[in-house]
Amino acid sequence: MYENFHGNAEAQRVLQEMVRGQRMPQTILLAGPEGIGKATLARRFAASIVGHPELIEQDDLSLDKNQEVIAEREKWTAEKRNDDPIVFNSHPDFLTFCPEGPLRQISIPQMRLLKERAQYGPLKGPRKVFLIDQIDRANEQAANSLLKTLEEPPGYLIIVATATNSYDLLPTIRSRSVPIYLTPLSKPEMTAFAQEKGLKDIDRRIALAAGSPGLAMSIELPAYDKRRAQMLALLGAACGVLPWADWAKTSEALNASRTEKLENHLKVLYLLLDDLLLLRCEARNPVLRNFDIQRELEGLVRVITFEWIQKAVKKTDELVDLLRRNIQKGIALDAMVLELRGSIRL
């Protein structure tokens, strides 16, 4: 198995057998939940083909130096980013393309750069590997640009793409890819991972990560708790447990923060709604993601219905769809609270 990679032994075995038998498809799609290790597995796979894992690992997007590059480029204008598309390339025969900008998207210029670089053969061996991390973050135009490369890739090129949801991709991209699905780790696997990494607050991290070791390791609990308090205020106001004035104060604070992304709050909101659904359905011994605030959640469950939760999930989905249009988070959340509040008999 690949060194220091936890879980998904079958996916590891399939990739290793491809390399051993030299029967590697030219486009591989690694799909699975956020933080499950898709990009990590892609780098391990690439290293087994082109060598020099110490160079390839320098392109790990979670490294502080790479995070700083991505964060700094968010301050650039769109024109400047388009003139200089981001790509990580520590190994001459391994390139990583990733989402960037305030909306974290794969851009058309990046896919044009990929097509250009694909024309140049490998420098150190017979193969060249491109990693497109989070290809489901590409808009339709960027995806169509990539499709031209996938239709007739040079024989030496292997493209590995990752996606949280493969069905967010164009059907034509899925049809040209060999899919490998990664599944969440079991609780014993997550516990072993957390203990090996020496993580603190293991129980909370494992509950919130839901089988994704990357999330268990990267989640900043103080920041998460702050966002959770704000989303609890939203839900409280939306179901009439809290007065509108309480939410108005929270909304004002959210609007004042330019660094906080709406996407981060919506992820927390989904987790809270998931817990509310479990409690609303009266599941025996529900395994809550936010088990430490079960009492507060039970207070909300007393006044909401299944239909209300369903509507709240639908409204959250709509906001996610609007993220790429750079909507104003305060206005969007205010509208959500008002609509949900109107469906509750106060």
Protein backbone atom coordinates (compact mmCIF):
# COMPACT_ATOMS: atom_id res chain seq x y z
CA MET A 1 0.00 0.00 0.00
CA TYR A 2 1.04 3.61 -0.51
CA GLU A 3 3.15 4.94 2.34
CA ASN A 4 1.34 6.98 5.02
CA PHE A 5 -2.03 6.76 3.27
CA HIS A 6 -4.96 5.80 5.49
CA GLY A 7 -8.01 3.85 4.36
CA ASN A 8 -9.45 2.92 0.95
CA ALA A 9 -7.18 -0.09 0.55
CA GLU A 10 -9.08 -1.29 -2.52
CA ALA A 11 -8.57 2.01 -4.35
CA GLN A 12 -4.87 1.85 -3.51
CA ARG A 13 -4.67 -1.72 -4.79
CA VAL A 14 -6.38 -0.84 -8.09
CA LEU A 15 -3.96 2.02 -8.77
CA GLN A 16 -0.93 -0.09 -7.89
CA GLU A 17 -2.09 -2.88 -10.19
CA MET A 18 -2.41 -0.36 -13.01
CA VAL A 19 1.22 0.64 -12.55
CA ARG A 20 2.50 -2.92 -12.14
CA GLY A 21 0.73 -4.09 -15.27
CA GLN A 22 1.53 -0.89 -17.19
CA ARG A 23 -2.15 -0.69 -18.11
CA MET A 24 -2.89 2.86 -17.01
CA PRO A 25 -5.90 4.72 -18.44
CA GLN A 26 -5.08 8.19 -19.65
CA THR A 27 -7.78 9.84 -17.53
CA ILE A 28 -8.58 8.74 -13.98
CA LEU A 29 -11.24 10.32 -11.80
CA LEU A 30 -10.86 10.00 -8.03
CA ALA A 31 -14.20 10.85 -6.46
CA GLY A 32 -15.21 11.04 -2.82
CA PRO A 33 -15.96 13.32 0.14
CA GLU A 34 -13.88 16.38 0.94
CA GLY A 35 -10.73 15.55 2.90
CA ILE A 36 -10.85 11.82 2.12
CA GLY A 37 -7.35 11.93 0.57
CA LYS A 38 -8.05 12.09 -3.16
CA ALA A 39 -5.23 14.49 -4.03
CA THR A 40 -2.85 12.70 -1.66
CA LEU A 41 -3.57 9.38 -3.35
CA ALA A 42 -3.12 11.02 -6.76
CA ARG A 43 0.34 12.25 -5.74
CA ARG A 44 1.31 8.79 -4.43
CA PHE A 45 0.13 7.31 -7.73
CA ALA A 46 2.08 9.87 -9.75
CA ALA A 47 5.24 9.26 -7.72
CA SER A 48 5.02 5.54 -8.47
CA ILE A 49 5.06 6.44 -12.17
CA VAL A 50 7.51 9.33 -12.51
CA GLY A 51 9.52 8.94 -9.27
CA HIS A 52 10.91 11.54 -6.87
CA PRO A 53 8.06 11.63 -4.34
CA GLU A 54 9.95 14.25 -2.32
CA LEU A 55 9.44 16.70 -5.21
CA ILE A 56 5.85 15.74 -5.90
CA GLU A 57 4.89 16.20 -2.25
CA GLN A 58 6.02 19.82 -2.46
CA ASP A 59 2.88 20.43 -4.53
CA ASP A 60 0.61 19.40 -1.62
CA LEU A 61 -1.91 22.25 -1.51
CA SER A 62 -2.30 21.96 2.26
CA LEU A 63 1.32 23.02 2.84
CA ASP A 64 1.62 26.49 4.37
CA LYS A 65 3.79 27.80 1.54
CA ASN A 66 1.23 26.76 -1.08
CA GLN A 67 -1.67 28.09 0.97
CA GLU A 68 0.11 31.44 1.13
CA VAL A 69 0.48 31.51 -2.66
CA ILE A 70 -3.22 30.75 -3.16
CA ALA A 71 -4.28 33.31 -0.55
CA GLU A 72 -2.05 36.02 -2.02
CA ARG A 73 -3.47 35.46 -5.50
CA GLU A 74 -6.98 36.06 -4.17
CA LYS A 75 -5.97 39.72 -3.88
CA TRP A 76 -5.04 39.87 -7.56
CA THR A 77 -7.46 41.16 -10.17
CA ALA A 78 -9.17 38.57 -12.36
CA GLU A 79 -7.24 39.89 -15.36
CA LYS A 80 -3.90 39.38 -13.62
CA ARG A 81 -4.79 35.82 -12.61
CA ASN A 82 -5.92 35.05 -16.15
CA ASP A 83 -2.63 36.35 -17.54
CA ASP A 84 -0.67 34.12 -15.15
CA PRO A 85 -2.73 30.94 -14.44
CA ILE A 86 -1.74 29.10 -11.28
CA VAL A 87 0.02 25.75 -11.57
CA PHE A 88 2.32 23.92 -9.15
CA ASN A 89 5.23 22.15 -10.81
CA SER A 90 8.01 21.02 -8.44
CA HIS A 91 8.66 17.86 -10.51
CA PRO A 92 9.32 18.40 -14.23
CA ASP A 93 6.86 15.66 -15.21
CA PHE A 94 4.12 16.34 -12.65
CA LEU A 95 1.84 19.39 -12.70
CA THR A 96 -0.96 20.33 -10.30
CA PHE A 97 -3.84 22.58 -11.35
CA CYS A 98 -6.12 23.78 -8.55
CA PRO A 99 -9.02 26.18 -7.93
CA GLU A 100 -8.11 29.76 -7.07
CA GLY A 101 -9.49 33.27 -6.71
CA PRO A 102 -12.15 34.48 -4.26
CA LEU A 103 -14.61 31.90 -5.59
CA ARG A 104 -12.01 29.09 -5.80
CA GLN A 105 -12.68 27.98 -9.36
CA ILE A 106 -10.78 26.15 -12.09
CA SER A 107 -10.44 28.74 -14.83
CA ILE A 108 -10.44 28.67 -18.62
CA PRO A 109 -6.85 30.03 -18.76
CA GLN A 110 -5.73 27.15 -16.53
CA MET A 111 -7.25 24.58 -18.88
CA ARG A 112 -5.67 26.35 -21.85
CA LEU A 113 -2.34 26.18 -20.04
CA LEU A 114 -2.92 22.47 -19.42
CA LYS A 115 -3.52 21.93 -23.13
CA GLU A 116 -0.34 23.85 -23.97
CA ARG A 117 1.81 21.94 -21.45
CA ALA A 118 0.36 18.63 -22.64
CA GLN A 119 2.08 19.15 -25.99
CA TYR A 120 5.53 18.88 -24.40
CA GLY A 121 6.77 15.37 -23.73
CA PRO A 122 8.20 14.14 -20.42
CA LEU A 123 11.74 15.16 -19.46
CA LYS A 124 12.78 12.40 -17.05
CA GLY A 125 10.96 9.28 -18.19
CA PRO A 126 8.27 7.85 -20.48
CA ARG A 127 5.30 9.38 -18.65
CA LYS A 128 3.92 12.73 -17.61
CA VAL A 129 1.14 13.14 -14.99
CA PHE A 130 -1.23 16.08 -14.54
CA LEU A 131 -3.37 16.43 -11.42
CA ILE A 132 -6.51 18.56 -11.68
CA ASP A 133 -7.62 18.96 -8.10
CA GLN A 134 -11.35 19.61 -7.64
CA ILE A 135 -12.27 19.51 -11.30
CA ASP A 136 -15.90 19.88 -10.17
CA ARG A 137 -14.94 23.51 -9.46
CA ALA A 138 -14.57 24.18 -13.18
CA ASN A 139 -17.33 26.14 -14.88
CA GLU A 140 -18.83 24.85 -18.13
CA GLN A 141 -16.46 26.84 -20.33
CA ALA A 142 -13.36 25.57 -18.52
CA ALA A 143 -14.71 22.01 -18.56
CA ASN A 144 -15.30 22.22 -22.32
CA SER A 145 -11.75 23.49 -22.79
CA LEU A 146 -10.43 20.48 -20.86
CA LEU A 147 -12.59 18.14 -22.90
CA LYS A 148 -10.60 18.95 -26.03
CA THR A 149 -7.48 17.57 -24.34
CA LEU A 150 -9.27 14.49 -23.00
CA GLU A 151 -10.54 13.58 -26.47
CA GLU A 152 -7.06 13.17 -27.94
CA PRO A 153 -4.43 13.11 -25.17
CA PRO A 154 -0.82 12.40 -26.15
CA GLY A 155 0.20 8.83 -25.39
CA TYR A 156 2.63 9.78 -22.64
CA LEU A 157 0.12 11.86 -20.63
CA ILE A 158 -1.95 10.62 -17.69
CA ILE A 159 -4.52 13.00 -16.21
CA VAL A 160 -5.77 12.37 -12.69
CA ALA A 161 -8.73 14.52 -11.65
CA THR A 162 -10.41 14.71 -8.26
CA ALA A 163 -14.02 15.60 -7.50
CA THR A 164 -16.24 15.63 -4.45
CA ASN A 165 -19.28 14.81 -6.60
CA SER A 166 -18.58 13.26 -9.98
CA TYR A 167 -22.12 14.10 -11.12
CA ASP A 168 -21.26 17.80 -11.02
CA LEU A 169 -19.06 17.12 -14.05
CA LEU A 170 -20.07 17.17 -17.69
CA PRO A 171 -21.26 13.69 -18.74
CA THR A 172 -18.70 13.79 -21.55
CA ILE A 173 -15.86 14.20 -19.02
CA ARG A 174 -17.18 11.34 -16.88
CA SER A 175 -17.47 9.10 -19.92
CA ARG A 176 -13.81 9.66 -20.82
CA SER A 177 -12.56 8.90 -17.30
CA VAL A 178 -12.01 5.71 -15.35
CA PRO A 179 -13.72 6.40 -12.01
CA ILE A 180 -12.36 5.24 -8.66
CA TYR A 181 -14.59 6.05 -5.71
CA LEU A 182 -13.14 6.68 -2.26
CA THR A 183 -15.31 6.08 0.78
CA PRO A 184 -15.19 7.49 4.32
CA LEU A 185 -12.90 5.78 6.80
CA SER A 186 -14.37 3.69 9.60
CA LYS A 187 -14.30 4.98 13.15
CA PRO A 188 -11.42 2.64 14.13
CA GLU A 189 -9.44 3.84 11.09
CA MET A 190 -10.15 7.47 11.98
CA THR A 191 -9.15 6.88 15.60
CA ALA A 192 -5.90 5.26 14.53
CA PHE A 193 -5.20 8.17 12.17
CA ALA A 194 -5.94 10.80 14.83
CA GLN A 195 -3.78 9.06 17.40
CA GLU A 196 -0.90 8.66 14.95
CA LYS A 197 -1.05 12.38 14.15
CA GLY A 198 -1.35 13.31 17.83
CA LEU A 199 -4.54 15.31 17.32
CA LYS A 200 -6.35 16.92 20.23
CA ASP A 201 -10.13 16.80 20.80
CA ILE A 202 -10.22 13.49 18.96
CA ASP A 203 -13.90 12.72 19.58
CA ARG A 204 -15.10 16.05 18.20
CA ARG A 205 -12.76 15.93 15.23
CA ILE A 206 -13.83 12.43 14.29
CA ALA A 207 -17.52 13.32 14.61
CA LEU A 208 -17.22 16.46 12.47
CA ALA A 209 -14.97 14.83 9.86
CA ALA A 210 -17.36 11.92 9.19
CA GLY A 211 -14.61 9.62 7.96
CA SER A 212 -12.42 12.21 6.22
CA PRO A 213 -8.92 12.25 7.74
CA GLY A 214 -8.00 15.50 5.98
CA LEU A 215 -10.91 17.30 7.63
CA ALA A 216 -10.13 15.80 11.03
CA MET A 217 -6.61 17.17 10.77
CA SER A 218 -7.31 20.56 9.25
CA ILE A 219 -10.45 21.74 11.05
CA GLU A 220 -9.85 24.72 13.33
CA LEU A 221 -12.27 24.14 16.17
CA PRO A 222 -12.33 27.76 17.49
CA ALA A 223 -13.20 29.07 14.01
CA TYR A 224 -15.74 26.29 13.53
CA ASP A 225 -17.40 27.02 16.88
CA LYS A 226 -17.71 30.71 15.99
CA ARG A 227 -19.37 29.91 12.67
CA ARG A 228 -21.59 27.34 14.35
CA ALA A 229 -22.81 29.89 16.89
CA GLN A 230 -23.70 32.22 14.02
CA MET A 231 -25.56 29.49 12.11
CA LEU A 232 -27.39 28.45 15.30
CA ALA A 233 -28.56 32.04 15.58
CA LEU A 234 -29.75 31.84 11.99
CA LEU A 235 -31.70 28.64 12.63
CA GLY A 236 -33.09 29.97 15.90
CA ALA A 237 -34.42 33.10 14.21
CA ALA A 238 -35.61 31.14 11.17
CA CYS A 239 -37.82 28.88 13.30
CA GLY A 240 -38.99 31.60 15.68
CA VAL A 241 -37.13 30.46 18.79
CA LEU A 242 -35.04 33.64 18.76
CA PRO A 243 -36.22 37.19 17.93
CA TRP A 244 -35.19 38.78 14.66
CA ALA A 245 -33.09 41.30 16.60
CA ASP A 246 -30.73 38.54 17.74
CA TRP A 247 -30.12 37.43 14.17
CA ALA A 248 -29.75 41.05 13.01
CA LYS A 249 -26.75 41.49 15.33
CA THR A 250 -25.17 38.30 13.99
CA SER A 251 -25.88 39.31 10.40
CA GLU A 252 -24.28 42.69 10.96
CA ALA A 253 -21.12 41.03 12.32
CA LEU A 254 -20.99 38.68 9.34
CA ASN A 255 -21.30 41.56 6.89
CA ALA A 256 -18.51 43.42 8.63
CA SER A 257 -16.10 40.51 8.15
CA ARG A 258 -14.45 40.58 4.74
CA THR A 259 -12.31 37.49 5.34
CA GLU A 260 -15.11 35.09 6.23
CA LYS A 261 -16.47 33.24 3.19
CA LEU A 262 -20.14 32.33 2.95
CA GLU A 263 -19.13 28.86 1.77
CA ASN A 264 -17.59 28.06 5.17
CA HIS A 265 -20.80 29.00 6.97
CA LEU A 266 -22.94 26.95 4.61
CA LYS A 267 -20.83 23.86 5.31
CA VAL A 268 -21.51 24.31 9.02
CA LEU A 269 -25.19 24.90 8.32
CA TYR A 270 -25.44 21.59 6.46
CA LEU A 271 -23.98 19.75 9.46
CA LEU A 272 -26.48 21.37 11.81
CA LEU A 273 -29.39 20.55 9.51
CA ASP A 274 -28.16 16.97 9.28
CA ASP A 275 -28.24 16.70 13.08
CA LEU A 276 -31.68 18.32 13.27
CA LEU A 277 -33.00 15.77 10.78
CA LEU A 278 -31.71 12.88 12.87
CA LEU A 279 -33.32 14.31 15.99
CA ARG A 280 -36.57 15.16 14.18
CA CYS A 281 -36.87 11.58 12.92
CA GLU A 282 -36.50 10.41 16.52
CA ALA A 283 -33.63 8.11 15.66
CA ARG A 284 -32.52 5.96 18.57
CA ASN A 285 -29.14 7.00 19.88
CA PRO A 286 -28.47 9.35 16.93
CA VAL A 287 -24.82 9.82 16.04
CA LEU A 288 -24.70 13.60 15.86
CA ARG A 289 -21.89 15.52 14.20
CA ASN A 290 -22.39 18.28 16.79
CA PHE A 291 -22.98 16.02 19.79
CA ASP A 292 -21.63 18.64 22.22
CA ILE A 293 -24.64 20.93 21.61
CA GLN A 294 -27.36 18.28 21.51
CA ARG A 295 -29.48 20.14 24.07
CA GLU A 296 -29.54 23.33 21.97
CA LEU A 297 -30.48 21.32 18.88
CA GLU A 298 -33.27 19.53 20.73
CA GLY A 299 -34.68 22.95 21.61
CA LEU A 300 -35.00 23.75 17.91
CA VAL A 301 -36.45 20.36 17.03
CA ARG A 302 -39.45 20.98 19.30
CA VAL A 303 -40.79 23.70 16.99
CA ILE A 304 -39.81 22.52 13.50
CA THR A 305 -41.20 19.89 11.15
CA PHE A 306 -39.61 17.59 8.64
CA GLU A 307 -40.98 19.84 5.89
CA TRP A 308 -39.28 22.86 7.47
CA ILE A 309 -35.93 21.06 7.51
CA GLN A 310 -36.49 20.03 3.91
CA LYS A 311 -37.13 23.64 2.95
CA ALA A 312 -34.05 24.82 4.88
CA VAL A 313 -31.87 22.30 3.04
CA LYS A 314 -33.31 23.43 -0.29
CA LYS A 315 -32.59 27.10 0.52
CA THR A 316 -29.03 26.20 1.52
CA ASP A 317 -28.60 24.32 -1.77
CA GLU A 318 -29.75 27.42 -3.63
CA LEU A 319 -27.16 29.56 -1.85
CA VAL A 320 -24.44 27.06 -2.74
CA ASP A 321 -25.46 27.33 -6.40
CA LEU A 322 -25.18 31.13 -6.15
CA LEU A 323 -21.71 31.12 -4.57
CA ARG A 324 -19.96 31.42 -7.91
CA ARG A 325 -21.90 34.64 -8.58
CA ASN A 326 -20.22 36.29 -5.59
CA ILE A 327 -23.47 37.06 -3.76
CA GLN A 328 -23.59 39.26 -0.66
CA LYS A 329 -23.59 36.83 2.26
CA GLY A 330 -25.51 39.06 4.66
CA ILE A 331 -28.36 39.78 2.27
CA ALA A 332 -28.56 36.16 1.16
CA LEU A 333 -28.75 34.82 4.72
CA ASP A 334 -31.25 37.50 5.79
CA ALA A 335 -33.55 36.48 2.94
CA MET A 336 -33.23 32.82 3.94
CA VAL A 337 -34.14 33.57 7.56
CA LEU A 338 -37.18 35.62 6.55
CA GLU A 339 -38.50 32.98 4.17
CA LEU A 340 -38.08 30.13 6.65
CA ARG A 341 -39.47 32.24 9.50
CA GLY A 342 -42.56 32.92 7.41
CA SER A 343 -43.26 29.20 7.16
CA ILE A 344 -43.34 28.77 10.96
CA ARG A 345 -46.45 29.50 12.97
CA LEU A 346 -45.05 32.01 15.46
